[in-house]
PDB file of N, CA and C in Angstrom:
ATOM      1  N   MET A   1      -7.496  -9.431  25.688  1.00  0.00           N
ATOM      2  CA  MET A   1      -6.866  -8.751  24.570  1.00  0.00           C
ATOM      3  C   MET A   1      -5.358  -8.993  24.624  1.00  0.00           C
ATOM      4  N   MET A   2      -4.788  -9.329  23.482  1.00  0.00           N
ATOM      5  CA  MET A   2      -3.351  -9.599  23.387  1.00  0.00           C
ATOM      6  C   MET A   2      -2.555  -8.293  23.413  1.00  0.00           C
ATOM      7  N   LEU A   3      -1.392  -8.364  24.025  1.00  0.00           N
ATOM      8  CA  LEU A   3      -0.484  -7.233  24.042  1.00  0.00           C
ATOM      9  C   LEU A   3       0.121  -7.081  22.645  1.00  0.00           C
ATOM     10  N   GLU A   4       0.051  -5.890  22.111  1.00  0.00           N
ATOM     11  CA  GLU A   4       0.554  -5.641  20.767  1.00  0.00           C
ATOM     12  C   GLU A   4       2.034  -5.268  20.825  1.00  0.00           C
ATOM     13  N   LYS A   5       2.853  -5.994  20.085  1.00  0.00           N
ATOM     14  CA  LYS A   5       4.284  -5.717  20.090  1.00  0.00           C
ATOM     15  C   LYS A   5       4.567  -4.496  19.236  1.00  0.00           C
ATOM     16  N   ARG A   6       5.412  -3.618  19.762  1.00  0.00           N
ATOM     17  CA  ARG A   6       5.730  -2.363  19.098  1.00  0.00           C
ATOM     18  C   ARG A   6       7.226  -2.292  18.818  1.00  0.00           C
ATOM     19  N   ARG A   7       7.579  -1.454  17.898  1.00  0.00           N
ATOM     20  CA  ARG A   7       8.979  -1.192  17.586  1.00  0.00           C
ATOM     21  C   ARG A   7       9.196   0.318  17.575  1.00  0.00           C
ATOM     22  N   TRP A   8      10.397   0.716  17.965  1.00  0.00           N
ATOM     23  CA  TRP A   8      10.806   2.116  17.967  1.00  0.00           C
ATOM     24  C   TRP A   8      11.814   2.311  16.844  1.00  0.00           C
ATOM     25  N   LEU A   9      11.654   3.387  16.081  1.00  0.00           N
ATOM     26  CA  LEU A   9      12.562   3.710  14.989  1.00  0.00           C
ATOM     27  C   LEU A   9      13.219   5.055  15.275  1.00  0.00           C
ATOM     28  N   LEU A  10      14.526   5.118  15.140  1.00  0.00           N
ATOM     29  CA  LEU A  10      15.258   6.374  15.247  1.00  0.00           C
ATOM     30  C   LEU A  10      15.359   6.943  13.843  1.00  0.00           C
ATOM     31  N   ILE A  11      14.900   8.173  13.663  1.00  0.00           N
ATOM     32  CA  ILE A  11      14.788   8.769  12.335  1.00  0.00           C
ATOM     33  C   ILE A  11      15.713   9.971  12.205  1.00  0.00           C
ATOM     34  N   ASP A  12      16.452  10.020  11.109  1.00  0.00           N
ATOM     35  CA  ASP A  12      17.242  11.190  10.744  1.00  0.00           C
ATOM     36  C   ASP A  12      16.367  12.000   9.790  1.00  0.00           C
ATOM     37  N   ALA A  13      15.834  13.116  10.279  1.00  0.00           N
ATOM     38  CA  ALA A  13      14.896  13.925   9.500  1.00  0.00           C
ATOM     39  C   ALA A  13      15.616  15.147   8.944  1.00  0.00           C
ATOM     40  N   LEU A  14      15.865  15.142   7.647  1.00  0.00           N
ATOM     41  CA  LEU A  14      16.527  16.265   6.995  1.00  0.00           C
ATOM     42  C   LEU A  14      15.482  17.167   6.359  1.00  0.00           C
ATOM     43  N   GLY A  15      15.564  18.458   6.643  1.00  0.00           N
ATOM     44  CA  GLY A  15      14.631  19.419   6.075  1.00  0.00           C
ATOM     45  C   GLY A  15      13.338  19.558   6.849  1.00  0.00           C
ATOM     46  N   VAL A  16      13.247  18.918   8.015  1.00  0.00           N
ATOM     47  CA  VAL A  16      12.034  18.970   8.832  1.00  0.00           C
ATOM     48  C   VAL A  16      12.409  19.451  10.227  1.00  0.00           C
ATOM     49  N   SER A  17      11.730  20.495  10.702  1.00  0.00           N
ATOM     50  CA  SER A  17      11.997  20.971  12.059  1.00  0.00           C
ATOM     51  C   SER A  17      11.311  20.059  13.068  1.00  0.00           C
ATOM     52  N   GLY A  18      11.680  20.195  14.320  1.00  0.00           N
ATOM     53  CA  GLY A  18      11.114  19.349  15.372  1.00  0.00           C
ATOM     54  C   GLY A  18       9.611  19.466  15.492  1.00  0.00           C
ATOM     55  N   SER A  19       9.086  20.678  15.325  1.00  0.00           N
ATOM     56  CA  SER A  19       7.642  20.879  15.461  1.00  0.00           C
ATOM     57  C   SER A  19       6.859  20.302  14.279  1.00  0.00           C
ATOM     58  N   GLU A  20       7.487  20.209  13.115  1.00  0.00           N
ATOM     59  CA  GLU A  20       6.821  19.675  11.923  1.00  0.00           C
ATOM     60  C   GLU A  20       6.988  18.167  11.775  1.00  0.00           C
ATOM     61  N   PHE A  21       7.846  17.571  12.575  1.00  0.00           N
ATOM     62  CA  PHE A  21       8.195  16.162  12.414  1.00  0.00           C
ATOM     63  C   PHE A  21       6.972  15.250  12.513  1.00  0.00           C
ATOM     64  N   THR A  22       6.131  15.456  13.516  1.00  0.00           N
ATOM     65  CA  THR A  22       4.973  14.574  13.704  1.00  0.00           C
ATOM     66  C   THR A  22       4.005  14.670  12.529  1.00  0.00           C
ATOM     67  N   SER A  23       3.770  15.881  12.044  1.00  0.00           N
ATOM     68  CA  SER A  23       2.864  16.059  10.903  1.00  0.00           C
ATOM     69  C   SER A  23       3.430  15.426   9.638  1.00  0.00           C
ATOM     70  N   CYS A  24       4.724  15.562   9.447  1.00  0.00           N
ATOM     71  CA  CYS A  24       5.368  14.998   8.262  1.00  0.00           C
ATOM     72  C   CYS A  24       5.278  13.473   8.264  1.00  0.00           C
ATOM     73  N   VAL A  25       5.513  12.855   9.414  1.00  0.00           N
ATOM     74  CA  VAL A  25       5.438  11.394   9.516  1.00  0.00           C
ATOM     75  C   VAL A  25       4.008  10.912   9.284  1.00  0.00           C
ATOM     76  N   ALA A  26       3.037  11.587   9.889  1.00  0.00           N
ATOM     77  CA  ALA A  26       1.635  11.196   9.710  1.00  0.00           C
ATOM     78  C   ALA A  26       1.226  11.291   8.243  1.00  0.00           C
ATOM     79  N   GLU A  27       1.644  12.359   7.579  1.00  0.00           N
ATOM     80  CA  GLU A  27       1.327  12.539   6.162  1.00  0.00           C
ATOM     81  C   GLU A  27       2.006  11.469   5.304  1.00  0.00           C
ATOM     82  N   ALA A  28       3.238  11.123   5.641  1.00  0.00           N
ATOM     83  CA  ALA A  28       3.979  10.112   4.880  1.00  0.00           C
ATOM     84  C   ALA A  28       3.299   8.751   4.966  1.00  0.00           C
ATOM     85  N   ILE A  29       2.900   8.361   6.165  1.00  0.00           N
ATOM     86  CA  ILE A  29       2.297   7.040   6.351  1.00  0.00           C
ATOM     87  C   ILE A  29       0.906   6.978   5.734  1.00  0.00           C
ATOM     88  N   ALA A  30       0.111   8.024   5.923  1.00  0.00           N
ATOM     89  CA  ALA A  30      -1.233   8.044   5.341  1.00  0.00           C
ATOM     90  C   ALA A  30      -1.166   8.078   3.814  1.00  0.00           C
ATOM     91  N   GLY A  31      -0.210   8.810   3.268  1.00  0.00           N
ATOM     92  CA  GLY A  31      -0.063   8.889   1.816  1.00  0.00           C
ATOM     93  C   GLY A  31       0.411   7.586   1.200  1.00  0.00           C
ATOM     94  N   PHE A  32       1.242   6.857   1.900  1.00  0.00           N
ATOM     95  CA  PHE A  32       1.796   5.607   1.381  1.00  0.00           C
ATOM     96  C   PHE A  32       0.845   4.431   1.596  1.00  0.00           C
ATOM     97  N   SER A  33       0.278   4.344   2.787  1.00  0.00           N
ATOM     98  CA  SER A  33      -0.520   3.171   3.169  1.00  0.00           C
ATOM     99  C   SER A  33      -2.019   3.393   3.116  1.00  0.00           C
ATOM    100  N   GLY A  34      -2.437   4.629   3.015  1.00  0.00           N
ATOM    101  CA  GLY A  34      -3.860   4.921   3.081  1.00  0.00           C
ATOM    102  C   GLY A  34      -4.335   4.945   4.521  1.00  0.00           C
ATOM    103  N   VAL A  35      -5.584   5.248   4.714  1.00  0.00           N
ATOM    104  CA  VAL A  35      -6.144   5.363   6.060  1.00  0.00           C
ATOM    105  C   VAL A  35      -6.137   4.016   6.769  1.00  0.00           C
ATOM    106  N   ASN A  36      -6.478   2.955   6.055  1.00  0.00           N
ATOM    107  CA  ASN A  36      -6.506   1.629   6.664  1.00  0.00           C
ATOM    108  C   ASN A  36      -5.106   1.187   7.109  1.00  0.00           C
ATOM    109  N   GLY A  37      -4.114   1.398   6.269  1.00  0.00           N
ATOM    110  CA  GLY A  37      -2.744   1.028   6.609  1.00  0.00           C
ATOM    111  C   GLY A  37      -2.193   1.847   7.765  1.00  0.00           C
ATOM    112  N   ALA A  38      -2.532   3.131   7.790  1.00  0.00           N
ATOM    113  CA  ALA A  38      -2.088   3.992   8.887  1.00  0.00           C
ATOM    114  C   ALA A  38      -2.713   3.558  10.201  1.00  0.00           C
ATOM    115  N   SER A  39      -3.951   3.121  10.132  1.00  0.00           N
ATOM    116  CA  SER A  39      -4.629   2.635  11.333  1.00  0.00           C
ATOM    117  C   SER A  39      -3.984   1.352  11.844  1.00  0.00           C
ATOM    118  N   ARG A  40      -3.628   0.449  10.940  1.00  0.00           N
ATOM    119  CA  ARG A  40      -2.960  -0.802  11.331  1.00  0.00           C
ATOM    120  C   ARG A  40      -1.582  -0.550  11.925  1.00  0.00           C
ATOM    121  N   ALA A  41      -0.864   0.434  11.382  1.00  0.00           N
ATOM    122  CA  ALA A  41       0.503   0.723  11.830  1.00  0.00           C
ATOM    123  C   ALA A  41       0.522   1.363  13.217  1.00  0.00           C
ATOM    124  N   ARG A  42      -0.526   2.113  13.534  1.00  0.00           N
ATOM    125  CA  ARG A  42      -0.587   2.835  14.816  1.00  0.00           C
ATOM    126  C   ARG A  42       0.697   3.603  15.094  1.00  0.00           C
ATOM    127  N   ALA A  43       1.193   4.279  14.085  1.00  0.00           N
ATOM    128  CA  ALA A  43       2.460   5.000  14.210  1.00  0.00           C
ATOM    129  C   ALA A  43       2.268   6.306  14.963  1.00  0.00           C
ATOM    130  N   GLN A  44       3.207   6.584  15.836  1.00  0.00           N
ATOM    131  CA  GLN A  44       3.225   7.836  16.584  1.00  0.00           C
ATOM    132  C   GLN A  44       4.635   8.397  16.521  1.00  0.00           C
ATOM    133  N   ALA A  45       4.758   9.640  16.094  1.00  0.00           N
ATOM    134  CA  ALA A  45       6.061  10.291  15.997  1.00  0.00           C
ATOM    135  C   ALA A  45       6.208  11.289  17.130  1.00  0.00           C
ATOM    136  N   GLU A  46       7.422  11.398  17.646  1.00  0.00           N
ATOM    137  CA  GLU A  46       7.696  12.361  18.707  1.00  0.00           C
ATOM    138  C   GLU A  46       9.189  12.643  18.755  1.00  0.00           C
ATOM    139  N   THR A  47       9.543  13.694  19.476  1.00  0.00           N
ATOM    140  CA  THR A  47      10.940  14.024  19.702  1.00  0.00           C
ATOM    141  C   THR A  47      11.251  13.740  21.157  1.00  0.00           C
ATOM    142  N   VAL A  48      12.223  12.865  21.403  1.00  0.00           N
ATOM    143  CA  VAL A  48      12.599  12.457  22.756  1.00  0.00           C
ATOM    144  C   VAL A  48      14.075  12.765  22.961  1.00  0.00           C
ATOM    145  N   SER A  49      14.380  13.589  23.936  1.00  0.00           N
ATOM    146  CA  SER A  49      15.776  13.952  24.255  1.00  0.00           C
ATOM    147  C   SER A  49      16.527  14.453  23.023  1.00  0.00           C
ATOM    148  N   GLY A  50      15.848  15.188  22.167  1.00  0.00           N
ATOM    149  CA  GLY A  50      16.477  15.737  20.974  1.00  0.00           C
ATOM    150  C   GLY A  50      16.561  14.790  19.793  1.00  0.00           C
ATOM    151  N   PHE A  51      16.050  13.575  19.937  1.00  0.00           N
ATOM    152  CA  PHE A  51      16.059  12.593  18.849  1.00  0.00           C
ATOM    153  C   PHE A  51      14.646  12.419  18.306  1.00  0.00           C
ATOM    154  N   ASN A  52      14.528  12.300  16.983  1.00  0.00           N
ATOM    155  CA  ASN A  52      13.235  12.042  16.352  1.00  0.00           C
ATOM    156  C   ASN A  52      12.994  10.542  16.340  1.00  0.00           C
ATOM    157  N   VAL A  53      11.894  10.115  16.947  1.00  0.00           N
ATOM    158  CA  VAL A  53      11.573   8.691  17.011  1.00  0.00           C
ATOM    159  C   VAL A  53      10.146   8.452  16.533  1.00  0.00           C
ATOM    160  N   VAL A  54       9.911   7.262  16.013  1.00  0.00           N
ATOM    161  CA  VAL A  54       8.582   6.831  15.585  1.00  0.00           C
ATOM    162  C   VAL A  54       8.319   5.483  16.233  1.00  0.00           C
ATOM    163  N   ARG A  55       7.127   5.326  16.786  1.00  0.00           N
ATOM    164  CA  ARG A  55       6.710   4.048  17.369  1.00  0.00           C
ATOM    165  C   ARG A  55       5.626   3.467  16.473  1.00  0.00           C
ATOM    166  N   CYS A  56       5.716   2.170  16.184  1.00  0.00           N
ATOM    167  CA  CYS A  56       4.709   1.524  15.339  1.00  0.00           C
ATOM    168  C   CYS A  56       4.559   0.067  15.751  1.00  0.00           C
ATOM    169  N   THR A  57       3.562  -0.607  15.197  1.00  0.00           N
ATOM    170  CA  THR A  57       3.375  -2.027  15.481  1.00  0.00           C
ATOM    171  C   THR A  57       4.450  -2.831  14.750  1.00  0.00           C
ATOM    172  N   ARG A  58       4.793  -3.971  15.317  1.00  0.00           N
ATOM    173  CA  ARG A  58       5.822  -4.819  14.711  1.00  0.00           C
ATOM    174  C   ARG A  58       5.371  -5.329  13.347  1.00  0.00           C
ATOM    175  N   ALA A  59       4.091  -5.616  13.202  1.00  0.00           N
ATOM    176  CA  ALA A  59       3.567  -6.141  11.938  1.00  0.00           C
ATOM    177  C   ALA A  59       3.690  -5.132  10.794  1.00  0.00           C
ATOM    178  N   ALA A  60       3.657  -3.844  11.106  1.00  0.00           N
ATOM    179  CA  ALA A  60       3.693  -2.809  10.073  1.00  0.00           C
ATOM    180  C   ALA A  60       5.061  -2.141   9.949  1.00  0.00           C
ATOM    181  N   LEU A  61       6.076  -2.705  10.570  1.00  0.00           N
ATOM    182  CA  LEU A  61       7.398  -2.078  10.607  1.00  0.00           C
ATOM    183  C   LEU A  61       7.943  -1.789   9.212  1.00  0.00           C
ATOM    184  N   GLU A  62       7.974  -2.780   8.349  1.00  0.00           N
ATOM    185  CA  GLU A  62       8.533  -2.597   7.004  1.00  0.00           C
ATOM    186  C   GLU A  62       7.742  -1.564   6.201  1.00  0.00           C
ATOM    187  N   GLU A  63       6.435  -1.563   6.373  1.00  0.00           N
ATOM    188  CA  GLU A  63       5.588  -0.605   5.667  1.00  0.00           C
ATOM    189  C   GLU A  63       5.868   0.825   6.132  1.00  0.00           C
ATOM    190  N   VAL A  64       6.071   1.009   7.425  1.00  0.00           N
ATOM    191  CA  VAL A  64       6.369   2.338   7.972  1.00  0.00           C
ATOM    192  C   VAL A  64       7.740   2.808   7.488  1.00  0.00           C
ATOM    193  N   ILE A  65       8.729   1.935   7.505  1.00  0.00           N
ATOM    194  CA  ILE A  65      10.063   2.302   7.017  1.00  0.00           C
ATOM    195  C   ILE A  65       9.988   2.720   5.549  1.00  0.00           C
ATOM    196  N   SER A  66       9.233   1.987   4.750  1.00  0.00           N
ATOM    197  CA  SER A  66       9.069   2.323   3.331  1.00  0.00           C
ATOM    198  C   SER A  66       8.361   3.656   3.157  1.00  0.00           C
ATOM    199  N   ALA A  67       7.319   3.883   3.922  1.00  0.00           N
ATOM    200  CA  ALA A  67       6.566   5.139   3.827  1.00  0.00           C
ATOM    201  C   ALA A  67       7.465   6.330   4.130  1.00  0.00           C
ATOM    202  N   LEU A  68       8.296   6.210   5.148  1.00  0.00           N
ATOM    203  CA  LEU A  68       9.190   7.307   5.511  1.00  0.00           C
ATOM    204  C   LEU A  68      10.254   7.518   4.437  1.00  0.00           C
ATOM    205  N   ALA A  69      10.763   6.440   3.865  1.00  0.00           N
ATOM    206  CA  ALA A  69      11.798   6.548   2.836  1.00  0.00           C
ATOM    207  C   ALA A  69      11.274   7.217   1.563  1.00  0.00           C
ATOM    208  N   PHE A  70      10.004   7.004   1.246  1.00  0.00           N
ATOM    209  CA  PHE A  70       9.426   7.571   0.027  1.00  0.00           C
ATOM    210  C   PHE A  70       8.958   9.013   0.183  1.00  0.00           C
ATOM    211  N   LYS A  71       8.952   9.542   1.379  1.00  0.00           N
ATOM    212  CA  LYS A  71       8.518  10.932   1.599  1.00  0.00           C
ATOM    213  C   LYS A  71       9.610  11.875   1.107  1.00  0.00           C
ATOM    214  N   LYS A  72       9.302  12.673   0.104  1.00  0.00           N
ATOM    215  CA  LYS A  72      10.301  13.554  -0.508  1.00  0.00           C
ATOM    216  C   LYS A  72       9.991  15.037  -0.345  1.00  0.00           C
ATOM    217  N   GLU A  73       8.718  15.380  -0.095  1.00  0.00           N
ATOM    218  CA  GLU A  73       8.346  16.792  -0.020  1.00  0.00           C
ATOM    219  C   GLU A  73       7.316  16.999   1.077  1.00  0.00           C
ATOM    220  N   PHE A  74       7.491  18.088   1.826  1.00  0.00           N
ATOM    221  CA  PHE A  74       6.546  18.435   2.886  1.00  0.00           C
ATOM    222  C   PHE A  74       6.430  19.947   2.941  1.00  0.00           C
ATOM    223  N   LYS A  75       5.217  20.450   2.763  1.00  0.00           N
ATOM    224  CA  LYS A  75       4.941  21.893   2.761  1.00  0.00           C
ATOM    225  C   LYS A  75       5.828  22.642   1.769  1.00  0.00           C
ATOM    226  N   GLY A  76       5.998  22.056   0.598  1.00  0.00           N
ATOM    227  CA  GLY A  76       6.763  22.703  -0.460  1.00  0.00           C
ATOM    228  C   GLY A  76       8.269  22.621  -0.311  1.00  0.00           C
ATOM    229  N   LYS A  77       8.765  21.942   0.708  1.00  0.00           N
ATOM    230  CA  LYS A  77      10.209  21.813   0.924  1.00  0.00           C
ATOM    231  C   LYS A  77      10.639  20.372   0.682  1.00  0.00           C
ATOM    232  N   ARG A  78      11.877  20.188   0.232  1.00  0.00           N
ATOM    233  CA  ARG A  78      12.437  18.845   0.067  1.00  0.00           C
ATOM    234  C   ARG A  78      12.790  18.296   1.441  1.00  0.00           C
ATOM    235  N   VAL A  79      12.420  17.057   1.693  1.00  0.00           N
ATOM    236  CA  VAL A  79      12.718  16.412   2.972  1.00  0.00           C
ATOM    237  C   VAL A  79      13.244  14.996   2.728  1.00  0.00           C
ATOM    238  N   ALA A  80      13.899  14.463   3.751  1.00  0.00           N
ATOM    239  CA  ALA A  80      14.357  13.072   3.729  1.00  0.00           C
ATOM    240  C   ALA A  80      14.175  12.512   5.131  1.00  0.00           C
ATOM    241  N   LEU A  81      13.480  11.391   5.238  1.00  0.00           N
ATOM    242  CA  LEU A  81      13.268  10.721   6.520  1.00  0.00           C
ATOM    243  C   LEU A  81      13.972   9.371   6.446  1.00  0.00           C
ATOM    244  N   ARG A  82      15.134   9.282   7.079  1.00  0.00           N
ATOM    245  CA  ARG A  82      15.945   8.066   7.008  1.00  0.00           C
ATOM    246  C   ARG A  82      15.892   7.319   8.327  1.00  0.00           C
ATOM    247  N   THR A  83      15.667   6.029   8.259  1.00  0.00           N
ATOM    248  CA  THR A  83      15.653   5.190   9.456  1.00  0.00           C
ATOM    249  C   THR A  83      17.095   4.834   9.805  1.00  0.00           C
ATOM    250  N   VAL A  84      17.501   5.192  11.027  1.00  0.00           N
ATOM    251  CA  VAL A  84      18.870   4.953  11.478  1.00  0.00           C
ATOM    252  C   VAL A  84      18.971   3.639  12.239  1.00  0.00           C
ATOM    253  N   ARG A  85      18.031   3.416  13.170  1.00  0.00           N
ATOM    254  CA  ARG A  85      18.043   2.209  14.011  1.00  0.00           C
ATOM    255  C   ARG A  85      16.617   1.791  14.307  1.00  0.00           C
ATOM    256  N   VAL A  86      16.452   0.514  14.632  1.00  0.00           N
ATOM    257  CA  VAL A  86      15.163  -0.026  15.065  1.00  0.00           C
ATOM    258  C   VAL A  86      15.412  -0.815  16.337  1.00  0.00           C
ATOM    259  N   SER A  87      14.511  -0.661  17.313  1.00  0.00           N
ATOM    260  CA  SER A  87      14.658  -1.387  18.571  1.00  0.00           C
ATOM    261  C   SER A  87      13.286  -1.691  19.153  1.00  0.00           C
ATOM    262  N   GLY A  88      13.271  -2.629  20.080  1.00  0.00           N
ATOM    263  CA  GLY A  88      12.030  -2.994  20.752  1.00  0.00           C
ATOM    264  C   GLY A  88      11.689  -2.082  21.913  1.00  0.00           C
ATOM    265  N   THR A  89      12.703  -1.350  22.429  1.00  0.00           N
ATOM    266  CA  THR A  89      12.454  -0.424  23.541  1.00  0.00           C
ATOM    267  C   THR A  89      13.097   0.920  23.242  1.00  0.00           C
ATOM    268  N   LEU A  90      12.522   1.966  23.786  1.00  0.00           N
ATOM    269  CA  LEU A  90      13.055   3.309  23.587  1.00  0.00           C
ATOM    270  C   LEU A  90      14.417   3.451  24.258  1.00  0.00           C
ATOM    271  N   ASP A  91      14.580   2.892  25.446  1.00  0.00           N
ATOM    272  CA  ASP A  91      15.856   2.990  26.160  1.00  0.00           C
ATOM    273  C   ASP A  91      16.998   2.375  25.355  1.00  0.00           C
ATOM    274  N   ALA A  92      16.779   1.195  24.799  1.00  0.00           N
ATOM    275  CA  ALA A  92      17.814   0.535  23.998  1.00  0.00           C
ATOM    276  C   ALA A  92      18.108   1.328  22.726  1.00  0.00           C
ATOM    277  N   LEU A  93      17.088   1.906  22.128  1.00  0.00           N
ATOM    278  CA  LEU A  93      17.260   2.692  20.910  1.00  0.00           C
ATOM    279  C   LEU A  93      18.148   3.901  21.172  1.00  0.00           C
ATOM    280  N   LEU A  94      17.843   4.647  22.226  1.00  0.00           N
ATOM    281  CA  LEU A  94      18.600   5.853  22.537  1.00  0.00           C
ATOM    282  C   LEU A  94      19.971   5.531  23.117  1.00  0.00           C
ATOM    283  N   ALA A  95      20.097   4.445  23.858  1.00  0.00           N
ATOM    284  CA  ALA A  95      21.396   4.055  24.415  1.00  0.00           C
ATOM    285  C   ALA A  95      22.378   3.742  23.297  1.00  0.00           C
ATOM    286  N   GLY A  96      21.925   3.062  22.278  1.00  0.00           N
ATOM    287  CA  GLY A  96      22.780   2.749  21.141  1.00  0.00           C
ATOM    288  C   GLY A  96      23.201   3.995  20.386  1.00  0.00           C
ATOM    289  N   LYS A  97      22.329   4.958  20.271  1.00  0.00           N
ATOM    290  CA  LYS A  97      22.649   6.200  19.567  1.00  0.00           C
ATOM    291  C   LYS A  97      23.634   7.034  20.377  1.00  0.00           C
ATOM    292  N   ARG A  98      23.435   7.104  21.676  1.00  0.00           N
ATOM    293  CA  ARG A  98      24.346   7.884  22.521  1.00  0.00           C
ATOM    294  C   ARG A  98      25.735   7.266  22.532  1.00  0.00           C
ATOM    295  N   LYS A  99      25.799   5.941  22.501  1.00  0.00           N
ATOM    296  CA  LYS A  99      27.072   5.231  22.510  1.00  0.00           C
ATOM    297  C   LYS A  99      27.826   5.476  21.201  1.00  0.00           C
ATOM    298  N   ALA A 100      27.084   5.625  20.108  1.00  0.00           N
ATOM    299  CA  ALA A 100      27.691   5.792  18.790  1.00  0.00           C
ATOM    300  C   ALA A 100      28.341   7.163  18.618  1.00  0.00           C
ATOM    301  N   LYS A 101      27.960   8.147  19.405  1.00  0.00           N
ATOM    302  CA  LYS A 101      28.507   9.501  19.271  1.00  0.00           C
ATOM    303  C   LYS A 101      29.924   9.586  19.666  1.00  0.00           C
TER     304      LYS A 101
END
């Protein structure tokens, strides 16, 4: 089995609390790409060191970024999921963000 290349996305989530972040991302991707597209993307959202990050396959990167950008409402509230950075490793993603502060 081939190793699947993944990408990490740093997300600026406006209007979404940390506990709701994973549900909001899952809903955004499933709503945009459907069940088949969500399965291909293998996206996983989590909060790491206070930063909201999403991991997905490299092949589905553009689709995941689009899905997050089009998400406007979650549980009756207005939300915005903006992609700040993309990296191949979590360490590089967070190092760049910490350096930017």
